[in-house]
PDB file of N, CA and C in Angstrom:
ATOM      1  N   UNK A   1       4.401  38.075   8.644  1.00  0.00           N
ATOM      2  CA  UNK A   1       5.209  38.488   7.502  1.00  0.00           C
ATOM      3  C   UNK A   1       5.112  37.423   6.413  1.00  0.00           C
ATOM      4  N   UNK A   2       5.119  37.812   5.175  1.00  0.00           N
ATOM      5  CA  UNK A   2       5.037  36.835   4.102  1.00  0.00           C
ATOM      6  C   UNK A   2       6.289  35.979   4.039  1.00  0.00           C
ATOM      7  N   UNK A   3       6.115  34.773   3.513  1.00  0.00           N
ATOM      8  CA  UNK A   3       7.236  33.842   3.405  1.00  0.00           C
ATOM      9  C   UNK A   3       8.356  34.417   2.554  1.00  0.00           C
ATOM     10  N   UNK A   4       8.027  35.320   1.643  1.00  0.00           N
ATOM     11  CA  UNK A   4       9.039  35.886   0.764  1.00  0.00           C
ATOM     12  C   UNK A   4       9.861  36.983   1.441  1.00  0.00           C
ATOM     13  N   UNK A   5       9.497  37.375   2.647  1.00  0.00           N
ATOM     14  CA  UNK A   5      10.237  38.397   3.384  1.00  0.00           C
ATOM     15  C   UNK A   5      11.621  37.853   3.733  1.00  0.00           C
ATOM     16  N   UNK A   6      12.682  38.473   3.205  1.00  0.00           N
ATOM     17  CA  UNK A   6      14.032  37.942   3.435  1.00  0.00           C
ATOM     18  C   UNK A   6      14.568  38.167   4.839  1.00  0.00           C
ATOM     19  N   UNK A   7      13.808  38.854   5.695  1.00  0.00           N
ATOM     20  CA  UNK A   7      14.274  39.088   7.059  1.00  0.00           C
ATOM     21  C   UNK A   7      13.317  38.545   8.105  1.00  0.00           C
ATOM     22  N   UNK A   8      12.170  38.095   7.681  1.00  0.00           N
ATOM     23  CA  UNK A   8      11.151  37.638   8.616  1.00  0.00           C
ATOM     24  C   UNK A   8      11.389  36.220   9.100  1.00  0.00           C
ATOM     25  N   UNK A   9      10.588  35.804  10.071  1.00  0.00           N
ATOM     26  CA  UNK A   9      10.726  34.449  10.605  1.00  0.00           C
ATOM     27  C   UNK A   9      10.363  33.392   9.569  1.00  0.00           C
ATOM     28  N   UNK A  10      11.008  32.250   9.685  1.00  0.00           N
ATOM     29  CA  UNK A  10      10.740  31.110   8.811  1.00  0.00           C
ATOM     30  C   UNK A  10      10.127  30.023   9.680  1.00  0.00           C
ATOM     31  N   UNK A  11       8.887  29.689   9.391  1.00  0.00           N
ATOM     32  CA  UNK A  11       8.158  28.688  10.162  1.00  0.00           C
ATOM     33  C   UNK A  11       8.153  27.371   9.392  1.00  0.00           C
ATOM     34  N   UNK A  12       8.338  26.283  10.107  1.00  0.00           N
ATOM     35  CA  UNK A  12       8.298  24.960   9.495  1.00  0.00           C
ATOM     36  C   UNK A  12       6.938  24.687   8.864  1.00  0.00           C
ATOM     37  N   UNK A  13       6.936  24.190   7.657  1.00  0.00           N
ATOM     38  CA  UNK A  13       5.690  23.783   7.008  1.00  0.00           C
ATOM     39  C   UNK A  13       5.070  22.607   7.748  1.00  0.00           C
ATOM     40  N   UNK A  14       5.898  21.793   8.375  1.00  0.00           N
ATOM     41  CA  UNK A  14       5.420  20.619   9.098  1.00  0.00           C
ATOM     42  C   UNK A  14       4.583  21.014  10.305  1.00  0.00           C
ATOM     43  N   UNK A  15       5.078  21.930  11.116  1.00  0.00           N
ATOM     44  CA  UNK A  15       4.338  22.347  12.309  1.00  0.00           C
ATOM     45  C   UNK A  15       3.133  23.197  11.923  1.00  0.00           C
ATOM     46  N   UNK A  16       3.211  23.866  10.793  1.00  0.00           N
ATOM     47  CA  UNK A  16       2.054  24.629  10.326  1.00  0.00           C
ATOM     48  C   UNK A  16       0.892  23.687  10.024  1.00  0.00           C
ATOM     49  N   UNK A  17       1.212  22.478   9.569  1.00  0.00           N
ATOM     50  CA  UNK A  17       0.186  21.473   9.276  1.00  0.00           C
ATOM     51  C   UNK A  17      -0.241  20.707  10.521  1.00  0.00           C
ATOM     52  N   UNK A  18       0.694  20.474  11.442  1.00  0.00           N
ATOM     53  CA  UNK A  18       0.402  19.677  12.632  1.00  0.00           C
ATOM     54  C   UNK A  18       1.253  20.162  13.800  1.00  0.00           C
ATOM     55  N   UNK A  19       0.701  21.006  14.672  1.00  0.00           N
ATOM     56  CA  UNK A  19       1.459  21.568  15.796  1.00  0.00           C
ATOM     57  C   UNK A  19       2.030  20.527  16.760  1.00  0.00           C
ATOM     58  N   UNK A  20       1.574  19.283  16.699  1.00  0.00           N
ATOM     59  CA  UNK A  20       2.103  18.263  17.607  1.00  0.00           C
ATOM     60  C   UNK A  20       3.571  17.938  17.326  1.00  0.00           C
ATOM     61  N   UNK A  21       4.100  18.398  16.202  1.00  0.00           N
ATOM     62  CA  UNK A  21       5.506  18.167  15.877  1.00  0.00           C
ATOM     63  C   UNK A  21       6.437  19.217  16.493  1.00  0.00           C
ATOM     64  N   UNK A  22       5.897  20.131  17.266  1.00  0.00           N
ATOM     65  CA  UNK A  22       6.685  21.255  17.791  1.00  0.00           C
ATOM     66  C   UNK A  22       7.902  20.807  18.600  1.00  0.00           C
ATOM     67  N   UNK A  23       7.749  19.796  19.461  1.00  0.00           N
ATOM     68  CA  UNK A  23       8.887  19.356  20.282  1.00  0.00           C
ATOM     69  C   UNK A  23      10.020  18.806  19.424  1.00  0.00           C
ATOM     70  N   UNK A  24       9.689  18.009  18.430  1.00  0.00           N
ATOM     71  CA  UNK A  24      10.706  17.441  17.539  1.00  0.00           C
ATOM     72  C   UNK A  24      11.400  18.558  16.764  1.00  0.00           C
ATOM     73  N   UNK A  25      10.616  19.499  16.303  1.00  0.00           N
ATOM     74  CA  UNK A  25      11.178  20.621  15.551  1.00  0.00           C
ATOM     75  C   UNK A  25      12.052  21.508  16.424  1.00  0.00           C
ATOM     76  N   UNK A  26      11.665  21.682  17.679  1.00  0.00           N
ATOM     77  CA  UNK A  26      12.481  22.471  18.604  1.00  0.00           C
ATOM     78  C   UNK A  26      13.866  21.846  18.738  1.00  0.00           C
ATOM     79  N   UNK A  27      13.927  20.533  18.907  1.00  0.00           N
ATOM     80  CA  UNK A  27      15.218  19.849  19.013  1.00  0.00           C
ATOM     81  C   UNK A  27      16.052  20.067  17.756  1.00  0.00           C
ATOM     82  N   UNK A  28      15.427  19.927  16.595  1.00  0.00           N
ATOM     83  CA  UNK A  28      16.130  20.106  15.326  1.00  0.00           C
ATOM     84  C   UNK A  28      16.692  21.522  15.214  1.00  0.00           C
ATOM     85  N   UNK A  29      15.856  22.516  15.464  1.00  0.00           N
ATOM     86  CA  UNK A  29      16.273  23.910  15.338  1.00  0.00           C
ATOM     87  C   UNK A  29      17.387  24.237  16.337  1.00  0.00           C
ATOM     88  N   UNK A  30      17.290  23.711  17.557  1.00  0.00           N
ATOM     89  CA  UNK A  30      18.316  23.978  18.569  1.00  0.00           C
ATOM     90  C   UNK A  30      19.664  23.355  18.207  1.00  0.00           C
ATOM     91  N   UNK A  31      19.670  22.294  17.404  1.00  0.00           N
ATOM     92  CA  UNK A  31      20.918  21.639  17.005  1.00  0.00           C
ATOM     93  C   UNK A  31      21.571  22.292  15.785  1.00  0.00           C
ATOM     94  N   UNK A  32      20.852  23.141  15.099  1.00  0.00           N
ATOM     95  CA  UNK A  32      21.385  23.730  13.874  1.00  0.00           C
ATOM     96  C   UNK A  32      22.637  24.585  14.075  1.00  0.00           C
ATOM     97  N   UNK A  33      22.765  25.373  15.151  1.00  0.00           N
ATOM     98  CA  UNK A  33      24.025  26.114  15.319  1.00  0.00           C
ATOM     99  C   UNK A  33      25.253  25.186  15.385  1.00  0.00           C
ATOM    100  N   UNK A  34      25.096  24.014  15.989  1.00  0.00           N
ATOM    101  CA  UNK A  34      26.206  23.050  16.012  1.00  0.00           C
ATOM    102  C   UNK A  34      26.498  22.539  14.604  1.00  0.00           C
ATOM    103  N   UNK A  35      25.465  22.339  13.828  1.00  0.00           N
ATOM    104  CA  UNK A  35      25.674  21.904  12.441  1.00  0.00           C
ATOM    105  C   UNK A  35      26.416  22.973  11.652  1.00  0.00           C
ATOM    106  N   UNK A  36      26.084  24.224  11.890  1.00  0.00           N
ATOM    107  CA  UNK A  36      26.790  25.316  11.220  1.00  0.00           C
ATOM    108  C   UNK A  36      28.272  25.274  11.595  1.00  0.00           C
ATOM    109  N   UNK A  37      28.561  25.068  12.874  1.00  0.00           N
ATOM    110  CA  UNK A  37      29.969  24.970  13.311  1.00  0.00           C
ATOM    111  C   UNK A  37      30.678  23.797  12.625  1.00  0.00           C
ATOM    112  N   UNK A  38      29.975  22.699  12.422  1.00  0.00           N
ATOM    113  CA  UNK A  38      30.569  21.555  11.723  1.00  0.00           C
ATOM    114  C   UNK A  38      30.949  21.940  10.291  1.00  0.00           C
ATOM    115  N   UNK A  39      30.077  22.678   9.627  1.00  0.00           N
ATOM    116  CA  UNK A  39      30.403  23.148   8.280  1.00  0.00           C
ATOM    117  C   UNK A  39      31.653  24.019   8.313  1.00  0.00           C
ATOM    118  N   UNK A  40      31.706  24.955   9.257  1.00  0.00           N
ATOM    119  CA  UNK A  40      32.852  25.857   9.354  1.00  0.00           C
ATOM    120  C   UNK A  40      34.145  25.087   9.624  1.00  0.00           C
ATOM    121  N   UNK A  41      34.078  24.154  10.561  1.00  0.00           N
ATOM    122  CA  UNK A  41      35.279  23.382  10.930  1.00  0.00           C
ATOM    123  C   UNK A  41      35.778  22.520   9.777  1.00  0.00           C
ATOM    124  N   UNK A  42      34.867  21.867   9.072  1.00  0.00           N
ATOM    125  CA  UNK A  42      35.311  21.003   7.969  1.00  0.00           C
ATOM    126  C   UNK A  42      35.837  21.838   6.806  1.00  0.00           C
ATOM    127  N   UNK A  43      35.262  23.022   6.595  1.00  0.00           N
ATOM    128  CA  UNK A  43      35.782  23.881   5.532  1.00  0.00           C
ATOM    129  C   UNK A  43      37.171  24.383   5.903  1.00  0.00           C
ATOM    130  N   UNK A  44      37.353  24.795   7.161  1.00  0.00           N
ATOM    131  CA  UNK A  44      38.671  25.246   7.618  1.00  0.00           C
ATOM    132  C   UNK A  44      39.713  24.140   7.489  1.00  0.00           C
ATOM    133  N   UNK A  45      39.290  22.895   7.724  1.00  0.00           N
ATOM    134  CA  UNK A  45      40.204  21.754   7.628  1.00  0.00           C
ATOM    135  C   UNK A  45      40.343  21.252   6.191  1.00  0.00           C
ATOM    136  N   UNK A  46      39.628  21.908   5.263  1.00  0.00           N
ATOM    137  CA  UNK A  46      39.630  21.499   3.864  1.00  0.00           C
ATOM    138  C   UNK A  46      39.181  20.038   3.696  1.00  0.00           C
ATOM    139  N   UNK A  47      38.268  19.605   4.547  1.00  0.00           N
ATOM    140  CA  UNK A  47      37.718  18.251   4.494  1.00  0.00           C
ATOM    141  C   UNK A  47      36.403  18.290   3.718  1.00  0.00           C
ATOM    142  N   UNK A  48      36.524  18.395   2.407  1.00  0.00           N
ATOM    143  CA  UNK A  48      35.346  18.566   1.569  1.00  0.00           C
ATOM    144  C   UNK A  48      34.486  17.304   1.503  1.00  0.00           C
ATOM    145  N   UNK A  49      35.072  16.161   1.766  1.00  0.00           N
ATOM    146  CA  UNK A  49      34.285  14.931   1.820  1.00  0.00           C
ATOM    147  C   UNK A  49      33.288  14.971   2.964  1.00  0.00           C
ATOM    148  N   UNK A  50      33.767  15.339   4.133  1.00  0.00           N
ATOM    149  CA  UNK A  50      32.883  15.443   5.296  1.00  0.00           C
ATOM    150  C   UNK A  50      31.912  16.612   5.123  1.00  0.00           C
ATOM    151  N   UNK A  51      32.396  17.723   4.575  1.00  0.00           N
ATOM    152  CA  UNK A  51      31.541  18.879   4.307  1.00  0.00           C
ATOM    153  C   UNK A  51      30.384  18.460   3.400  1.00  0.00           C
ATOM    154  N   UNK A  52      30.697  17.738   2.357  1.00  0.00           N
ATOM    155  CA  UNK A  52      29.670  17.258   1.430  1.00  0.00           C
ATOM    156  C   UNK A  52      28.676  16.344   2.133  1.00  0.00           C
ATOM    157  N   UNK A  53      29.175  15.503   3.029  1.00  0.00           N
ATOM    158  CA  UNK A  53      28.303  14.613   3.797  1.00  0.00           C
ATOM    159  C   UNK A  53      27.358  15.411   4.690  1.00  0.00           C
ATOM    160  N   UNK A  54      27.863  16.440   5.356  1.00  0.00           N
ATOM    161  CA  UNK A  54      27.016  17.294   6.193  1.00  0.00           C
ATOM    162  C   UNK A  54      25.960  18.000   5.330  1.00  0.00           C
ATOM    163  N   UNK A  55      26.377  18.446   4.157  1.00  0.00           N
ATOM    164  CA  UNK A  55      25.439  19.115   3.254  1.00  0.00           C
ATOM    165  C   UNK A  55      24.338  18.157   2.816  1.00  0.00           C
ATOM    166  N   UNK A  56      24.714  16.925   2.541  1.00  0.00           N
ATOM    167  CA  UNK A  56      23.734  15.908   2.136  1.00  0.00           C
ATOM    168  C   UNK A  56      22.737  15.647   3.272  1.00  0.00           C
ATOM    169  N   UNK A  57      23.225  15.592   4.494  1.00  0.00           N
ATOM    170  CA  UNK A  57      22.345  15.401   5.654  1.00  0.00           C
ATOM    171  C   UNK A  57      21.387  16.577   5.804  1.00  0.00           C
ATOM    172  N   UNK A  58      21.897  17.793   5.634  1.00  0.00           N
ATOM    173  CA  UNK A  58      21.057  18.978   5.731  1.00  0.00           C
ATOM    174  C   UNK A  58      19.986  18.960   4.650  1.00  0.00           C
ATOM    175  N   UNK A  59      20.370  18.550   3.468  1.00  0.00           N
ATOM    176  CA  UNK A  59      19.434  18.484   2.351  1.00  0.00           C
ATOM    177  C   UNK A  59      18.257  17.574   2.697  1.00  0.00           C
ATOM    178  N   UNK A  60      18.534  16.416   3.275  1.00  0.00           N
ATOM    179  CA  UNK A  60      17.473  15.488   3.645  1.00  0.00           C
ATOM    180  C   UNK A  60      16.661  15.957   4.836  1.00  0.00           C
ATOM    181  N   UNK A  61      17.336  16.468   5.842  1.00  0.00           N
ATOM    182  CA  UNK A  61      16.651  16.890   7.064  1.00  0.00           C
ATOM    183  C   UNK A  61      15.766  18.106   6.826  1.00  0.00           C
ATOM    184  N   UNK A  62      16.223  19.017   5.991  1.00  0.00           N
ATOM    185  CA  UNK A  62      15.451  20.229   5.744  1.00  0.00           C
ATOM    186  C   UNK A  62      14.031  19.930   5.318  1.00  0.00           C
ATOM    187  N   UNK A  63      13.885  19.099   4.321  1.00  0.00           N
ATOM    188  CA  UNK A  63      12.557  18.745   3.851  1.00  0.00           C
ATOM    189  C   UNK A  63      11.773  17.950   4.870  1.00  0.00           C
ATOM    190  N   UNK A  64      12.446  17.041   5.549  1.00  0.00           N
ATOM    191  CA  UNK A  64      11.790  16.205   6.538  1.00  0.00           C
ATOM    192  C   UNK A  64      11.223  17.002   7.707  1.00  0.00           C
ATOM    193  N   UNK A  65      11.862  18.117   8.019  1.00  0.00           N
ATOM    194  CA  UNK A  65      11.406  18.949   9.129  1.00  0.00           C
ATOM    195  C   UNK A  65      10.586  20.158   8.659  1.00  0.00           C
ATOM    196  N   UNK A  66      10.282  20.186   7.381  1.00  0.00           N
ATOM    197  CA  UNK A  66       9.404  21.239   6.876  1.00  0.00           C
ATOM    198  C   UNK A  66      10.085  22.554   6.561  1.00  0.00           C
ATOM    199  N   UNK A  67      11.379  22.513   6.303  1.00  0.00           N
ATOM    200  CA  UNK A  67      12.126  23.709   5.937  1.00  0.00           C
ATOM    201  C   UNK A  67      12.752  23.494   4.554  1.00  0.00           C
ATOM    202  N   UNK A  68      11.966  23.631   3.484  1.00  0.00           N
ATOM    203  CA  UNK A  68      12.492  23.343   2.146  1.00  0.00           C
ATOM    204  C   UNK A  68      13.675  24.217   1.741  1.00  0.00           C
ATOM    205  N   UNK A  69      13.788  25.433   2.326  1.00  0.00           N
ATOM    206  CA  UNK A  69      14.935  26.269   1.974  1.00  0.00           C
ATOM    207  C   UNK A  69      16.239  25.640   2.468  1.00  0.00           C
ATOM    208  N   UNK A  70      16.178  24.835   3.538  1.00  0.00           N
ATOM    209  CA  UNK A  70      17.374  24.116   3.997  1.00  0.00           C
ATOM    210  C   UNK A  70      17.721  22.990   3.030  1.00  0.00           C
ATOM    211  N   UNK A  71      16.707  22.349   2.470  1.00  0.00           N
ATOM    212  CA  UNK A  71      16.948  21.301   1.478  1.00  0.00           C
ATOM    213  C   UNK A  71      17.639  21.890   0.260  1.00  0.00           C
ATOM    214  N   UNK A  72      17.134  23.025  -0.206  1.00  0.00           N
ATOM    215  CA  UNK A  72      17.696  23.675  -1.384  1.00  0.00           C
ATOM    216  C   UNK A  72      19.133  24.130  -1.113  1.00  0.00           C
ATOM    217  N   UNK A  73      19.363  24.735   0.053  1.00  0.00           N
ATOM    218  CA  UNK A  73      20.705  25.194   0.396  1.00  0.00           C
ATOM    219  C   UNK A  73      21.642  24.012   0.598  1.00  0.00           C
ATOM    220  N   UNK A  74      21.161  22.946   1.232  1.00  0.00           N
ATOM    221  CA  UNK A  74      21.982  21.748   1.401  1.00  0.00           C
ATOM    222  C   UNK A  74      22.428  21.186   0.069  1.00  0.00           C
ATOM    223  N   UNK A  75      21.537  21.199  -0.898  1.00  0.00           N
ATOM    224  CA  UNK A  75      21.877  20.715  -2.242  1.00  0.00           C
ATOM    225  C   UNK A  75      22.969  21.576  -2.871  1.00  0.00           C
ATOM    226  N   UNK A  76      22.827  22.894  -2.740  1.00  0.00           N
ATOM    227  CA  UNK A  76      23.839  23.796  -3.299  1.00  0.00           C
ATOM    228  C   UNK A  76      25.178  23.657  -2.573  1.00  0.00           C
ATOM    229  N   UNK A  77      25.125  23.478  -1.246  1.00  0.00           N
ATOM    230  CA  UNK A  77      26.364  23.269  -0.474  1.00  0.00           C
ATOM    231  C   UNK A  77      27.061  21.992  -0.921  1.00  0.00           C
ATOM    232  N   UNK A  78      26.286  20.947  -1.110  1.00  0.00           N
ATOM    233  CA  UNK A  78      26.854  19.664  -1.535  1.00  0.00           C
ATOM    234  C   UNK A  78      27.513  19.797  -2.908  1.00  0.00           C
ATOM    235  N   UNK A  79      26.853  20.464  -3.828  1.00  0.00           N
ATOM    236  CA  UNK A  79      27.410  20.653  -5.170  1.00  0.00           C
ATOM    237  C   UNK A  79      28.689  21.481  -5.128  1.00  0.00           C
ATOM    238  N   UNK A  80      28.684  22.535  -4.331  1.00  0.00           N
ATOM    239  CA  UNK A  80      29.875  23.386  -4.234  1.00  0.00           C
ATOM    240  C   UNK A  80      31.041  22.613  -3.628  1.00  0.00           C
ATOM    241  N   UNK A  81      30.767  21.786  -2.621  1.00  0.00           N
ATOM    242  CA  UNK A  81      31.834  20.990  -2.007  1.00  0.00           C
ATOM    243  C   UNK A  81      32.398  19.990  -3.012  1.00  0.00           C
ATOM    244  N   UNK A  82      31.525  19.345  -3.746  1.00  0.00           N
ATOM    245  CA  UNK A  82      31.980  18.360  -4.726  1.00  0.00           C
ATOM    246  C   UNK A  82      32.785  19.004  -5.846  1.00  0.00           C
ATOM    247  N   UNK A  83      32.512  20.277  -6.122  1.00  0.00           N
ATOM    248  CA  UNK A  83      33.261  21.012  -7.144  1.00  0.00           C
ATOM    249  C   UNK A  83      34.460  21.756  -6.554  1.00  0.00           C
ATOM    250  N   UNK A  84      34.704  21.578  -5.248  1.00  0.00           N
ATOM    251  CA  UNK A  84      35.812  22.220  -4.532  1.00  0.00           C
ATOM    252  C   UNK A  84      35.773  23.743  -4.673  1.00  0.00           C
ATOM    253  N   UNK A  85      34.579  24.310  -4.609  1.00  0.00           N
ATOM    254  CA  UNK A  85      34.393  25.757  -4.684  1.00  0.00           C
ATOM    255  C   UNK A  85      34.384  26.319  -3.260  1.00  0.00           C
ATOM    256  N   UNK A  86      35.571  26.496  -2.702  1.00  0.00           N
ATOM    257  CA  UNK A  86      35.703  26.879  -1.300  1.00  0.00           C
ATOM    258  C   UNK A  86      35.076  28.236  -0.984  1.00  0.00           C
ATOM    259  N   UNK A  87      35.278  29.227  -1.845  1.00  0.00           N
ATOM    260  CA  UNK A  87      34.691  30.542  -1.596  1.00  0.00           C
ATOM    261  C   UNK A  87      33.165  30.472  -1.605  1.00  0.00           C
ATOM    262  N   UNK A  88      32.616  29.688  -2.506  1.00  0.00           N
ATOM    263  CA  UNK A  88      31.169  29.532  -2.577  1.00  0.00           C
ATOM    264  C   UNK A  88      30.655  28.799  -1.337  1.00  0.00           C
ATOM    265  N   UNK A  89      31.386  27.808  -0.869  1.00  0.00           N
ATOM    266  CA  UNK A  89      31.005  27.108   0.365  1.00  0.00           C
ATOM    267  C   UNK A  89      30.959  28.085   1.531  1.00  0.00           C
ATOM    268  N   UNK A  90      31.977  28.925   1.650  1.00  0.00           N
ATOM    269  CA  UNK A  90      32.037  29.902   2.745  1.00  0.00           C
ATOM    270  C   UNK A  90      30.876  30.891   2.648  1.00  0.00           C
ATOM    271  N   UNK A  91      30.568  31.351   1.437  1.00  0.00           N
ATOM    272  CA  UNK A  91      29.462  32.284   1.253  1.00  0.00           C
ATOM    273  C   UNK A  91      28.138  31.632   1.668  1.00  0.00           C
ATOM    274  N   UNK A  92      27.970  30.377   1.314  1.00  0.00           N
ATOM    275  CA  UNK A  92      26.718  29.691   1.653  1.00  0.00           C
ATOM    276  C   UNK A  92      26.618  29.354   3.135  1.00  0.00           C
ATOM    277  N   UNK A  93      27.739  29.199   3.825  1.00  0.00           N
ATOM    278  CA  UNK A  93      27.691  29.034   5.283  1.00  0.00           C
ATOM    279  C   UNK A  93      27.105  30.303   5.905  1.00  0.00           C
ATOM    280  N   UNK A  94      27.511  31.445   5.387  1.00  0.00           N
ATOM    281  CA  UNK A  94      26.931  32.710   5.871  1.00  0.00           C
ATOM    282  C   UNK A  94      25.433  32.755   5.599  1.00  0.00           C
ATOM    283  N   UNK A  95      25.031  32.286   4.437  1.00  0.00           N
ATOM    284  CA  UNK A  95      23.608  32.225   4.101  1.00  0.00           C
ATOM    285  C   UNK A  95      22.876  31.284   5.070  1.00  0.00           C
ATOM    286  N   UNK A  96      23.504  30.162   5.380  1.00  0.00           N
ATOM    287  CA  UNK A  96      22.919  29.210   6.322  1.00  0.00           C
ATOM    288  C   UNK A  96      22.751  29.844   7.698  1.00  0.00           C
ATOM    289  N   UNK A  97      23.746  30.572   8.152  1.00  0.00           N
ATOM    290  CA  UNK A  97      23.657  31.262   9.451  1.00  0.00           C
ATOM    291  C   UNK A  97      22.454  32.210   9.473  1.00  0.00           C
ATOM    292  N   UNK A  98      22.275  32.935   8.388  1.00  0.00           N
ATOM    293  CA  UNK A  98      21.165  33.873   8.298  1.00  0.00           C
ATOM    294  C   UNK A  98      19.822  33.150   8.365  1.00  0.00           C
ATOM    295  N   UNK A  99      19.722  32.040   7.685  1.00  0.00           N
ATOM    296  CA  UNK A  99      18.481  31.255   7.702  1.00  0.00           C
ATOM    297  C   UNK A  99      18.241  30.688   9.087  1.00  0.00           C
ATOM    298  N   UNK A 100      19.257  30.090   9.683  1.00  0.00           N
ATOM    299  CA  UNK A 100      19.117  29.472  11.008  1.00  0.00           C
ATOM    300  C   UNK A 100      18.643  30.507  12.032  1.00  0.00           C
ATOM    301  N   UNK A 101      19.141  31.717  11.934  1.00  0.00           N
ATOM    302  CA  UNK A 101      18.742  32.769  12.870  1.00  0.00           C
ATOM    303  C   UNK A 101      17.266  33.133  12.743  1.00  0.00           C
ATOM    304  N   UNK A 102      16.668  32.829  11.614  1.00  0.00           N
ATOM    305  CA  UNK A 102      15.267  33.200  11.371  1.00  0.00           C
ATOM    306  C   UNK A 102      14.289  32.050  11.594  1.00  0.00           C
ATOM    307  N   UNK A 103      14.769  30.833  11.827  1.00  0.00           N
ATOM    308  CA  UNK A 103      13.878  29.685  11.995  1.00  0.00           C
ATOM    309  C   UNK A 103      13.117  29.772  13.297  1.00  0.00           C
ATOM    310  N   UNK A 104      11.829  29.522  13.218  1.00  0.00           N
ATOM    311  CA  UNK A 104      10.988  29.461  14.409  1.00  0.00           C
ATOM    312  C   UNK A 104      10.143  28.198  14.327  1.00  0.00           C
ATOM    313  N   UNK A 105       9.830  27.660  15.490  1.00  0.00           N
ATOM    314  CA  UNK A 105       9.053  26.426  15.520  1.00  0.00           C
ATOM    315  C   UNK A 105       7.566  26.715  15.382  1.00  0.00           C
ATOM    316  N   UNK A 106       7.076  27.661  16.162  1.00  0.00           N
ATOM    317  CA  UNK A 106       5.650  27.982  16.113  1.00  0.00           C
ATOM    318  C   UNK A 106       5.464  29.425  15.666  1.00  0.00           C
ATOM    319  N   UNK A 107       4.510  29.663  14.779  1.00  0.00           N
ATOM    320  CA  UNK A 107       4.254  31.049  14.364  1.00  0.00           C
ATOM    321  C   UNK A 107       3.684  31.854  15.519  1.00  0.00           C
ATOM    322  N   UNK A 108       3.958  33.124  15.512  1.00  0.00           N
ATOM    323  CA  UNK A 108       3.450  33.987  16.586  1.00  0.00           C
ATOM    324  C   UNK A 108       2.073  34.509  16.254  1.00  0.00           C
TER     325      UNK A 108
END
């Protein structure tokens, strides 16, 4: 499926270039549901400082692991948290869940 397919799998650009990174990427992808829960918990607690910190981490990790859409979303999450846009933060958590569900380490 093309990368522009909004429902298709999202493959890391890093592993596409070098499959030897698959184990590291597997660990990263498997930890993402916990990161999503951290976003939800900090938003529920109205802890926008910690939420912003998690968003900043996602922004850096996304690019490092070959998922630029996570970098872009992390940046938007960080900006929304800093602007105290709670509804926008919640909407983007849903967007993050959708992306995380589509991440794959190796293309089929």
